[in-house]
Amino acid sequence: MKNGTVGDSTPPSAPFDLKVLAKPDRGNEITWDAEADFESGIGGFIILRDGRGLARLPMAPQNQVYGGPGPLFQGISFHDTPEAPIPEMRVVITADS
């Protein structure tokens, strides 16, 4: 440790409880759940179809976490509980996405 941060060599757990709901005239709503990554937080999610990125969450960068690797989707509170509120894991994919 040289700069006050601890390295994280393990990836976060894979998302689970994936659901896709057809929304007439709006596209497909995709929702999921994910476990918090207590070591370094979750940086975000990229929704892929056939290897092509369709959506990214968060859409806009979040605040930089002190001493962290960069903006995070799941904030870190420097104890065992992620910062509240936990962002909604939901995106709507339209035909033109």
PDB file of N, CA and C in Angstrom:
ATOM      1  N   MET A   1       0.853  -1.162   0.000  1.00  0.00           N
ATOM      2  CA  MET A   1       0.000   0.000   0.000  1.00  0.00           C
ATOM      3  C   MET A   1       0.900   1.226   0.000  1.00  0.00           C
ATOM      4  N   LYS A   2       0.755   2.075  -1.009  1.00  0.00           N
ATOM      5  CA  LYS A   2       1.582   3.261  -1.130  1.00  0.00           C
ATOM      6  C   LYS A   2       0.785   4.555  -1.049  1.00  0.00           C
ATOM      7  N   ASN A   3      -0.502   4.490  -1.390  1.00  0.00           N
ATOM      8  CA  ASN A   3      -1.268   5.735  -1.469  1.00  0.00           C
ATOM      9  C   ASN A   3      -2.529   5.735  -0.595  1.00  0.00           C
ATOM     10  N   GLY A   4      -2.641   4.819   0.333  1.00  0.00           N
ATOM     11  CA  GLY A   4      -3.804   4.779   1.211  1.00  0.00           C
ATOM     12  C   GLY A   4      -4.938   3.928   0.700  1.00  0.00           C
ATOM     13  N   THR A   5      -4.795   3.345  -0.493  1.00  0.00           N
ATOM     14  CA  THR A   5      -5.841   2.466  -1.013  1.00  0.00           C
ATOM     15  C   THR A   5      -5.320   1.039  -1.061  1.00  0.00           C
ATOM     16  N   VAL A   6      -6.235   0.116  -0.993  1.00  0.00           N
ATOM     17  CA  VAL A   6      -5.893  -1.301  -1.058  1.00  0.00           C
ATOM     18  C   VAL A   6      -6.310  -1.813  -2.421  1.00  0.00           C
ATOM     19  N   GLY A   7      -5.451  -2.582  -3.067  1.00  0.00           N
ATOM     20  CA  GLY A   7      -5.756  -3.113  -4.388  1.00  0.00           C
ATOM     21  C   GLY A   7      -6.885  -4.133  -4.333  1.00  0.00           C
ATOM     22  N   ASP A   8      -7.604  -4.253  -5.421  1.00  0.00           N
ATOM     23  CA  ASP A   8      -8.695  -5.209  -5.536  1.00  0.00           C
ATOM     24  C   ASP A   8      -8.440  -6.031  -6.788  1.00  0.00           C
ATOM     25  N   SER A   9      -8.048  -7.286  -6.610  1.00  0.00           N
ATOM     26  CA  SER A   9      -7.723  -8.123  -7.760  1.00  0.00           C
ATOM     27  C   SER A   9      -8.867  -9.056  -8.142  1.00  0.00           C
ATOM     28  N   THR A  10     -10.016  -8.952  -7.469  1.00  0.00           N
ATOM     29  CA  THR A  10     -11.140  -9.831  -7.779  1.00  0.00           C
ATOM     30  C   THR A  10     -12.271  -9.032  -8.426  1.00  0.00           C
ATOM     31  N   PRO A  11     -12.878  -9.590  -9.475  1.00  0.00           N
ATOM     32  CA  PRO A  11     -14.002  -8.888 -10.101  1.00  0.00           C
ATOM     33  C   PRO A  11     -15.232  -8.975  -9.213  1.00  0.00           C
ATOM     34  N   PRO A  12     -16.185  -8.048  -9.383  1.00  0.00           N
ATOM     35  CA  PRO A  12     -17.434  -8.147  -8.622  1.00  0.00           C
ATOM     36  C   PRO A  12     -18.225  -9.373  -9.075  1.00  0.00           C
ATOM     37  N   SER A  13     -19.167  -9.793  -8.256  1.00  0.00           N
ATOM     38  CA  SER A  13     -20.040 -10.917  -8.618  1.00  0.00           C
ATOM     39  C   SER A  13     -20.869 -10.560  -9.842  1.00  0.00           C
ATOM     40  N   ALA A  14     -21.233 -11.590 -10.605  1.00  0.00           N
ATOM     41  CA  ALA A  14     -22.068 -11.366 -11.790  1.00  0.00           C
ATOM     42  C   ALA A  14     -23.472 -10.928 -11.381  1.00  0.00           C
ATOM     43  N   PRO A  15     -24.100 -10.055 -12.163  1.00  0.00           N
ATOM     44  CA  PRO A  15     -25.487  -9.689 -11.885  1.00  0.00           C
ATOM     45  C   PRO A  15     -26.390 -10.930 -11.923  1.00  0.00           C
ATOM     46  N   PHE A  16     -27.527 -10.846 -11.236  1.00  0.00           N
ATOM     47  CA  PHE A  16     -28.459 -11.974 -11.196  1.00  0.00           C
ATOM     48  C   PHE A  16     -29.892 -11.444 -11.225  1.00  0.00           C
ATOM     49  N   ASP A  17     -30.849 -12.357 -11.275  1.00  0.00           N
ATOM     50  CA  ASP A  17     -32.273 -12.016 -11.306  1.00  0.00           C
ATOM     51  C   ASP A  17     -32.594 -11.083 -12.475  1.00  0.00           C
ATOM     52  N   LEU A  18     -32.028 -11.407 -13.634  1.00  0.00           N
ATOM     53  CA  LEU A  18     -32.237 -10.614 -14.845  1.00  0.00           C
ATOM     54  C   LEU A  18     -33.656 -10.823 -15.360  1.00  0.00           C
ATOM     55  N   LYS A  19     -34.331  -9.718 -15.679  1.00  0.00           N
ATOM     56  CA  LYS A  19     -35.681  -9.780 -16.230  1.00  0.00           C
ATOM     57  C   LYS A  19     -35.776  -8.829 -17.411  1.00  0.00           C
ATOM     58  N   VAL A  20     -36.488  -9.263 -18.443  1.00  0.00           N
ATOM     59  CA  VAL A  20     -36.749  -8.420 -19.606  1.00  0.00           C
ATOM     60  C   VAL A  20     -38.254  -8.346 -19.783  1.00  0.00           C
ATOM     61  N   LEU A  21     -38.771  -7.130 -19.842  1.00  0.00           N
ATOM     62  CA  LEU A  21     -40.204  -6.908 -19.978  1.00  0.00           C
ATOM     63  C   LEU A  21     -40.440  -6.043 -21.212  1.00  0.00           C
ATOM     64  N   ALA A  22     -41.239  -6.564 -22.158  1.00  0.00           N
ATOM     65  CA  ALA A  22     -41.574  -5.789 -23.359  1.00  0.00           C
ATOM     66  C   ALA A  22     -42.492  -4.641 -22.972  1.00  0.00           C
ATOM     67  N   LYS A  23     -42.122  -3.441 -23.374  1.00  0.00           N
ATOM     68  CA  LYS A  23     -42.916  -2.233 -23.126  1.00  0.00           C
ATOM     69  C   LYS A  23     -43.440  -1.757 -24.483  1.00  0.00           C
ATOM     70  N   PRO A  24     -44.746  -1.936 -24.761  1.00  0.00           N
ATOM     71  CA  PRO A  24     -45.291  -1.519 -26.060  1.00  0.00           C
ATOM     72  C   PRO A  24     -44.911  -0.079 -26.400  1.00  0.00           C
ATOM     73  N   ASP A  25     -44.435   0.116 -27.591  1.00  0.00           N
ATOM     74  CA  ASP A  25     -44.046   1.432 -28.116  1.00  0.00           C
ATOM     75  C   ASP A  25     -42.873   2.071 -27.369  1.00  0.00           C
ATOM     76  N   ARG A  26     -42.221   1.336 -26.462  1.00  0.00           N
ATOM     77  CA  ARG A  26     -41.089   1.910 -25.721  1.00  0.00           C
ATOM     78  C   ARG A  26     -39.834   1.066 -25.834  1.00  0.00           C
ATOM     79  N   GLY A  27     -39.950  -0.207 -26.139  1.00  0.00           N
ATOM     80  CA  GLY A  27     -38.784  -1.083 -26.205  1.00  0.00           C
ATOM     81  C   GLY A  27     -38.847  -2.160 -25.145  1.00  0.00           C
ATOM     82  N   ASN A  28     -37.703  -2.602 -24.707  1.00  0.00           N
ATOM     83  CA  ASN A  28     -37.602  -3.644 -23.686  1.00  0.00           C
ATOM     84  C   ASN A  28     -36.961  -3.074 -22.429  1.00  0.00           C
ATOM     85  N   GLU A  29     -37.646  -3.281 -21.303  1.00  0.00           N
ATOM     86  CA  GLU A  29     -37.101  -2.852 -20.018  1.00  0.00           C
ATOM     87  C   GLU A  29     -36.307  -4.012 -19.429  1.00  0.00           C
ATOM     88  N   ILE A  30     -35.047  -3.757 -19.111  1.00  0.00           N
ATOM     89  CA  ILE A  30     -34.179  -4.765 -18.519  1.00  0.00           C
ATOM     90  C   ILE A  30     -33.891  -4.351 -17.088  1.00  0.00           C
ATOM     91  N   THR A  31     -34.140  -5.275 -16.159  1.00  0.00           N
ATOM     92  CA  THR A  31     -33.820  -5.031 -14.755  1.00  0.00           C
ATOM     93  C   THR A  31     -32.976  -6.192 -14.250  1.00  0.00           C
ATOM     94  N   TRP A  32     -32.197  -5.941 -13.224  1.00  0.00           N
ATOM     95  CA  TRP A  32     -31.347  -6.969 -12.636  1.00  0.00           C
ATOM     96  C   TRP A  32     -30.998  -6.561 -11.219  1.00  0.00           C
ATOM     97  N   ASP A  33     -30.305  -7.449 -10.549  1.00  0.00           N
ATOM     98  CA  ASP A  33     -29.807  -7.157  -9.209  1.00  0.00           C
ATOM     99  C   ASP A  33     -28.338  -7.534  -9.187  1.00  0.00           C
ATOM    100  N   ALA A  34     -27.607  -6.985  -8.252  1.00  0.00           N
ATOM    101  CA  ALA A  34     -26.182  -7.287  -8.127  1.00  0.00           C
ATOM    102  C   ALA A  34     -25.768  -7.117  -6.675  1.00  0.00           C
ATOM    103  N   GLU A  35     -24.846  -7.934  -6.250  1.00  0.00           N
ATOM    104  CA  GLU A  35     -24.294  -7.818  -4.904  1.00  0.00           C
ATOM    105  C   GLU A  35     -23.322  -6.645  -4.858  1.00  0.00           C
ATOM    106  N   ALA A  36     -23.268  -5.974  -3.729  1.00  0.00           N
ATOM    107  CA  ALA A  36     -22.302  -4.890  -3.538  1.00  0.00           C
ATOM    108  C   ALA A  36     -20.889  -5.472  -3.561  1.00  0.00           C
ATOM    109  N   ASP A  37     -19.946  -4.728  -4.082  1.00  0.00           N
ATOM    110  CA  ASP A  37     -18.530  -5.112  -4.056  1.00  0.00           C
ATOM    111  C   ASP A  37     -17.875  -4.278  -2.965  1.00  0.00           C
ATOM    112  N   PHE A  38     -17.651  -4.889  -1.817  1.00  0.00           N
ATOM    113  CA  PHE A  38     -17.144  -4.154  -0.659  1.00  0.00           C
ATOM    114  C   PHE A  38     -15.684  -3.748  -0.790  1.00  0.00           C
ATOM    115  N   GLU A  39     -14.935  -4.392  -1.688  1.00  0.00           N
ATOM    116  CA  GLU A  39     -13.527  -4.046  -1.829  1.00  0.00           C
ATOM    117  C   GLU A  39     -13.320  -2.747  -2.586  1.00  0.00           C
ATOM    118  N   SER A  40     -14.029  -2.575  -3.703  1.00  0.00           N
ATOM    119  CA  SER A  40     -13.767  -1.377  -4.502  1.00  0.00           C
ATOM    120  C   SER A  40     -15.010  -0.754  -5.118  1.00  0.00           C
ATOM    121  N   GLY A  41     -16.193  -1.274  -4.822  1.00  0.00           N
ATOM    122  CA  GLY A  41     -17.405  -0.705  -5.398  1.00  0.00           C
ATOM    123  C   GLY A  41     -17.628  -1.193  -6.815  1.00  0.00           C
ATOM    124  N   ILE A  42     -18.804  -0.939  -7.330  1.00  0.00           N
ATOM    125  CA  ILE A  42     -19.137  -1.299  -8.706  1.00  0.00           C
ATOM    126  C   ILE A  42     -19.010  -0.032  -9.535  1.00  0.00           C
ATOM    127  N   GLY A  43     -18.185  -0.090 -10.564  1.00  0.00           N
ATOM    128  CA  GLY A  43     -17.971   1.074 -11.414  1.00  0.00           C
ATOM    129  C   GLY A  43     -19.153   1.391 -12.299  1.00  0.00           C
ATOM    130  N   GLY A  44     -19.891   0.376 -12.697  1.00  0.00           N
ATOM    131  CA  GLY A  44     -21.039   0.583 -13.573  1.00  0.00           C
ATOM    132  C   GLY A  44     -21.389  -0.695 -14.296  1.00  0.00           C
ATOM    133  N   PHE A  45     -22.336  -0.583 -15.198  1.00  0.00           N
ATOM    134  CA  PHE A  45     -22.787  -1.720 -15.995  1.00  0.00           C
ATOM    135  C   PHE A  45     -22.827  -1.294 -17.450  1.00  0.00           C
ATOM    136  N   ILE A  46     -22.474  -2.224 -18.334  1.00  0.00           N
ATOM    137  CA  ILE A  46     -22.601  -2.010 -19.772  1.00  0.00           C
ATOM    138  C   ILE A  46     -23.503  -3.110 -20.297  1.00  0.00           C
ATOM    139  N   ILE A  47     -24.601  -2.733 -20.949  1.00  0.00           N
ATOM    140  CA  ILE A  47     -25.533  -3.686 -21.534  1.00  0.00           C
ATOM    141  C   ILE A  47     -25.055  -3.970 -22.950  1.00  0.00           C
ATOM    142  N   LEU A  48     -24.782  -5.239 -23.242  1.00  0.00           N
ATOM    143  CA  LEU A  48     -24.258  -5.643 -24.544  1.00  0.00           C
ATOM    144  C   LEU A  48     -25.257  -6.516 -25.295  1.00  0.00           C
ATOM    145  N   ARG A  49     -25.284  -6.379 -26.601  1.00  0.00           N
ATOM    146  CA  ARG A  49     -25.999  -7.304 -27.484  1.00  0.00           C
ATOM    147  C   ARG A  49     -25.055  -7.627 -28.629  1.00  0.00           C
ATOM    148  N   ASP A  50     -24.766  -8.909 -28.798  1.00  0.00           N
ATOM    149  CA  ASP A  50     -23.847  -9.358 -29.844  1.00  0.00           C
ATOM    150  C   ASP A  50     -22.515  -8.611 -29.786  1.00  0.00           C
ATOM    151  N   GLY A  51     -22.038  -8.365 -28.565  1.00  0.00           N
ATOM    152  CA  GLY A  51     -20.750  -7.712 -28.378  1.00  0.00           C
ATOM    153  C   GLY A  51     -20.771  -6.201 -28.563  1.00  0.00           C
ATOM    154  N   ARG A  52     -21.930  -5.625 -28.854  1.00  0.00           N
ATOM    155  CA  ARG A  52     -22.047  -4.177 -29.071  1.00  0.00           C
ATOM    156  C   ARG A  52     -22.717  -3.537 -27.862  1.00  0.00           C
ATOM    157  N   GLY A  53     -22.139  -2.456 -27.358  1.00  0.00           N
ATOM    158  CA  GLY A  53     -22.704  -1.762 -26.215  1.00  0.00           C
ATOM    159  C   GLY A  53     -23.980  -1.031 -26.569  1.00  0.00           C
ATOM    160  N   LEU A  54     -25.065  -1.335 -25.844  1.00  0.00           N
ATOM    161  CA  LEU A  54     -26.348  -0.678 -26.084  1.00  0.00           C
ATOM    162  C   LEU A  54     -26.639   0.420 -25.073  1.00  0.00           C
ATOM    163  N   ALA A  55     -26.190   0.210 -23.843  1.00  0.00           N
ATOM    164  CA  ALA A  55     -26.467   1.179 -22.779  1.00  0.00           C
ATOM    165  C   ALA A  55     -25.382   1.071 -21.725  1.00  0.00           C
ATOM    166  N   ARG A  56     -25.214   2.147 -20.978  1.00  0.00           N
ATOM    167  CA  ARG A  56     -24.227   2.201 -19.907  1.00  0.00           C
ATOM    168  C   ARG A  56     -24.884   2.849 -18.687  1.00  0.00           C
ATOM    169  N   LEU A  57     -24.671   2.240 -17.533  1.00  0.00           N
ATOM    170  CA  LEU A  57     -25.144   2.814 -16.271  1.00  0.00           C
ATOM    171  C   LEU A  57     -23.951   2.967 -15.351  1.00  0.00           C
ATOM    172  N   PRO A  58     -23.725   4.069 -14.728  1.00  0.00           N
ATOM    173  CA  PRO A  58     -24.538   5.273 -14.847  1.00  0.00           C
ATOM    174  C   PRO A  58     -24.310   5.941 -16.200  1.00  0.00           C
ATOM    175  N   MET A  59     -25.317   6.664 -16.656  1.00  0.00           N
ATOM    176  CA  MET A  59     -25.208   7.371 -17.932  1.00  0.00           C
ATOM    177  C   MET A  59     -24.246   8.544 -17.825  1.00  0.00           C
ATOM    178  N   ALA A  60     -24.250   9.190 -16.670  1.00  0.00           N
ATOM    179  CA  ALA A  60     -23.338  10.308 -16.425  1.00  0.00           C
ATOM    180  C   ALA A  60     -22.387   9.918 -15.299  1.00  0.00           C
ATOM    181  N   PRO A  61     -21.145  10.361 -15.360  1.00  0.00           N
ATOM    182  CA  PRO A  61     -20.188  10.011 -14.303  1.00  0.00           C
ATOM    183  C   PRO A  61     -20.666  10.489 -12.933  1.00  0.00           C
ATOM    184  N   GLN A  62     -20.416   9.662 -11.921  1.00  0.00           N
ATOM    185  CA  GLN A  62     -20.740  10.012 -10.545  1.00  0.00           C
ATOM    186  C   GLN A  62     -19.529  10.710  -9.924  1.00  0.00           C
ATOM    187  N   ASN A  63     -19.687  11.160  -8.710  1.00  0.00           N
ATOM    188  CA  ASN A  63     -18.588  11.828  -8.017  1.00  0.00           C
ATOM    189  C   ASN A  63     -17.429  10.878  -7.784  1.00  0.00           C
ATOM    190  N   GLN A  64     -16.237  11.412  -7.841  1.00  0.00           N
ATOM    191  CA  GLN A  64     -15.020  10.640  -7.558  1.00  0.00           C
ATOM    192  C   GLN A  64     -15.003  10.246  -6.092  1.00  0.00           C
ATOM    193  N   VAL A  65     -14.664   9.005  -5.817  1.00  0.00           N
ATOM    194  CA  VAL A  65     -14.540   8.534  -4.441  1.00  0.00           C
ATOM    195  C   VAL A  65     -13.120   8.814  -3.976  1.00  0.00           C
ATOM    196  N   TYR A  66     -12.973   9.390  -2.790  1.00  0.00           N
ATOM    197  CA  TYR A  66     -11.648   9.709  -2.266  1.00  0.00           C
ATOM    198  C   TYR A  66     -10.779   8.469  -2.257  1.00  0.00           C
ATOM    199  N   GLY A  67      -9.646   8.554  -2.890  1.00  0.00           N
ATOM    200  CA  GLY A  67      -8.683   7.457  -2.900  1.00  0.00           C
ATOM    201  C   GLY A  67      -9.064   6.296  -3.781  1.00  0.00           C
ATOM    202  N   GLY A  68     -10.215   6.383  -4.454  1.00  0.00           N
ATOM    203  CA  GLY A  68     -10.689   5.263  -5.263  1.00  0.00           C
ATOM    204  C   GLY A  68     -10.208   5.345  -6.692  1.00  0.00           C
ATOM    205  N   PRO A  69     -10.584   4.325  -7.476  1.00  0.00           N
ATOM    206  CA  PRO A  69     -10.122   4.246  -8.859  1.00  0.00           C
ATOM    207  C   PRO A  69     -10.824   5.213  -9.795  1.00  0.00           C
ATOM    208  N   GLY A  70     -11.958   5.749  -9.416  1.00  0.00           N
ATOM    209  CA  GLY A  70     -12.704   6.654 -10.281  1.00  0.00           C
ATOM    210  C   GLY A  70     -14.159   6.681  -9.874  1.00  0.00           C
ATOM    211  N   PRO A  71     -15.000   7.277 -10.716  1.00  0.00           N
ATOM    212  CA  PRO A  71     -16.420   7.343 -10.396  1.00  0.00           C
ATOM    213  C   PRO A  71     -17.014   5.942 -10.266  1.00  0.00           C
ATOM    214  N   LEU A  72     -17.984   5.780  -9.354  1.00  0.00           N
ATOM    215  CA  LEU A  72     -18.585   4.476  -9.118  1.00  0.00           C
ATOM    216  C   LEU A  72     -20.094   4.518  -9.232  1.00  0.00           C
ATOM    217  N   PHE A  73     -20.678   3.431  -9.731  1.00  0.00           N
ATOM    218  CA  PHE A  73     -22.132   3.254  -9.733  1.00  0.00           C
ATOM    219  C   PHE A  73     -22.601   3.018  -8.305  1.00  0.00           C
ATOM    220  N   GLN A  74     -21.880   2.165  -7.597  1.00  0.00           N
ATOM    221  CA  GLN A  74     -22.164   1.858  -6.195  1.00  0.00           C
ATOM    222  C   GLN A  74     -21.141   2.605  -5.363  1.00  0.00           C
ATOM    223  N   GLY A  75     -21.560   3.614  -4.649  1.00  0.00           N
ATOM    224  CA  GLY A  75     -20.638   4.389  -3.840  1.00  0.00           C
ATOM    225  C   GLY A  75     -20.073   3.582  -2.685  1.00  0.00           C
ATOM    226  N   ILE A  76     -18.999   4.054  -2.114  1.00  0.00           N
ATOM    227  CA  ILE A  76     -18.358   3.390  -0.987  1.00  0.00           C
ATOM    228  C   ILE A  76     -18.439   4.317   0.212  1.00  0.00           C
ATOM    229  N   SER A  77     -18.795   3.752   1.353  1.00  0.00           N
ATOM    230  CA  SER A  77     -18.900   4.550   2.566  1.00  0.00           C
ATOM    231  C   SER A  77     -17.759   4.237   3.535  1.00  0.00           C
ATOM    232  N   PHE A  78     -16.828   3.405   3.118  1.00  0.00           N
ATOM    233  CA  PHE A  78     -15.661   3.020   3.910  1.00  0.00           C
ATOM    234  C   PHE A  78     -16.041   2.227   5.158  1.00  0.00           C
ATOM    235  N   HIS A  79     -17.159   1.506   5.069  1.00  0.00           N
ATOM    236  CA  HIS A  79     -17.520   0.500   6.063  1.00  0.00           C
ATOM    237  C   HIS A  79     -18.322  -0.563   5.324  1.00  0.00           C
ATOM    238  N   ASP A  80     -19.027  -1.441   5.998  1.00  0.00           N
ATOM    239  CA  ASP A  80     -19.659  -2.585   5.350  1.00  0.00           C
ATOM    240  C   ASP A  80     -20.987  -2.310   4.668  1.00  0.00           C
ATOM    241  N   THR A  81     -21.403  -1.077   4.566  1.00  0.00           N
ATOM    242  CA  THR A  81     -22.686  -0.754   3.952  1.00  0.00           C
ATOM    243  C   THR A  81     -22.460   0.210   2.788  1.00  0.00           C
ATOM    244  N   PRO A  82     -22.955  -0.137   1.571  1.00  0.00           N
ATOM    245  CA  PRO A  82     -22.818   0.803   0.451  1.00  0.00           C
ATOM    246  C   PRO A  82     -23.580   2.088   0.727  1.00  0.00           C
ATOM    247  N   GLU A  83     -23.155   3.158   0.090  1.00  0.00           N
ATOM    248  CA  GLU A  83     -23.835   4.443   0.227  1.00  0.00           C
ATOM    249  C   GLU A  83     -25.269   4.331  -0.274  1.00  0.00           C
ATOM    250  N   ALA A  84     -26.197   4.908   0.436  1.00  0.00           N
ATOM    251  CA  ALA A  84     -27.595   4.935   0.016  1.00  0.00           C
ATOM    252  C   ALA A  84     -27.869   6.262  -0.682  1.00  0.00           C
ATOM    253  N   PRO A  85     -28.815   6.372  -1.563  1.00  0.00           N
ATOM    254  CA  PRO A  85     -29.621   5.261  -2.033  1.00  0.00           C
ATOM    255  C   PRO A  85     -28.852   4.457  -3.080  1.00  0.00           C
ATOM    256  N   ILE A  86     -29.113   3.161  -3.120  1.00  0.00           N
ATOM    257  CA  ILE A  86     -28.469   2.317  -4.133  1.00  0.00           C
ATOM    258  C   ILE A  86     -29.169   2.582  -5.457  1.00  0.00           C
ATOM    259  N   PRO A  87     -28.420   2.879  -6.508  1.00  0.00           N
ATOM    260  CA  PRO A  87     -29.033   3.211  -7.798  1.00  0.00           C
ATOM    261  C   PRO A  87     -29.888   2.067  -8.338  1.00  0.00           C
ATOM    262  N   GLU A  88     -30.937   2.432  -9.070  1.00  0.00           N
ATOM    263  CA  GLU A  88     -31.819   1.440  -9.681  1.00  0.00           C
ATOM    264  C   GLU A  88     -31.091   0.751 -10.828  1.00  0.00           C
ATOM    265  N   MET A  89     -31.164  -0.557 -10.864  1.00  0.00           N
ATOM    266  CA  MET A  89     -30.523  -1.334 -11.922  1.00  0.00           C
ATOM    267  C   MET A  89     -31.587  -1.640 -12.963  1.00  0.00           C
ATOM    268  N   ARG A  90     -31.785  -0.659 -13.854  1.00  0.00           N
ATOM    269  CA  ARG A  90     -32.866  -0.712 -14.828  1.00  0.00           C
ATOM    270  C   ARG A  90     -32.480   0.130 -16.034  1.00  0.00           C
ATOM    271  N   VAL A  91     -32.793  -0.382 -17.197  1.00  0.00           N
ATOM    272  CA  VAL A  91     -32.571   0.364 -18.439  1.00  0.00           C
ATOM    273  C   VAL A  91     -33.624  -0.053 -19.445  1.00  0.00           C
ATOM    274  N   VAL A  92     -34.048   0.869 -20.312  1.00  0.00           N
ATOM    275  CA  VAL A  92     -34.975   0.559 -21.391  1.00  0.00           C
ATOM    276  C   VAL A  92     -34.190   0.631 -22.690  1.00  0.00           C
ATOM    277  N   ILE A  93     -34.231  -0.473 -23.436  1.00  0.00           N
ATOM    278  CA  ILE A  93     -33.541  -0.559 -24.731  1.00  0.00           C
ATOM    279  C   ILE A  93     -34.584  -0.393 -25.825  1.00  0.00           C
ATOM    280  N   THR A  94     -34.402   0.598 -26.668  1.00  0.00           N
ATOM    281  CA  THR A  94     -35.330   0.861 -27.757  1.00  0.00           C
ATOM    282  C   THR A  94     -34.784   0.278 -29.046  1.00  0.00           C
ATOM    283  N   ALA A  95     -35.618   0.239 -30.074  1.00  0.00           N
ATOM    284  CA  ALA A  95     -35.209  -0.315 -31.363  1.00  0.00           C
ATOM    285  C   ALA A  95     -34.030   0.436 -31.959  1.00  0.00           C
ATOM    286  N   ASP A  96     -33.904   1.725 -31.667  1.00  0.00           N
ATOM    287  CA  ASP A  96     -32.801   2.505 -32.224  1.00  0.00           C
ATOM    288  C   ASP A  96     -31.579   2.544 -31.309  1.00  0.00           C
ATOM    289  N   SER A  97     -31.589   1.768 -30.225  1.00  0.00           N
ATOM    290  CA  SER A  97     -30.430   1.710 -29.304  1.00  0.00           C
ATOM    291  C   SER A  97     -29.271   0.989 -29.964  1.00  0.00           C
TER     292      SER A  97
END
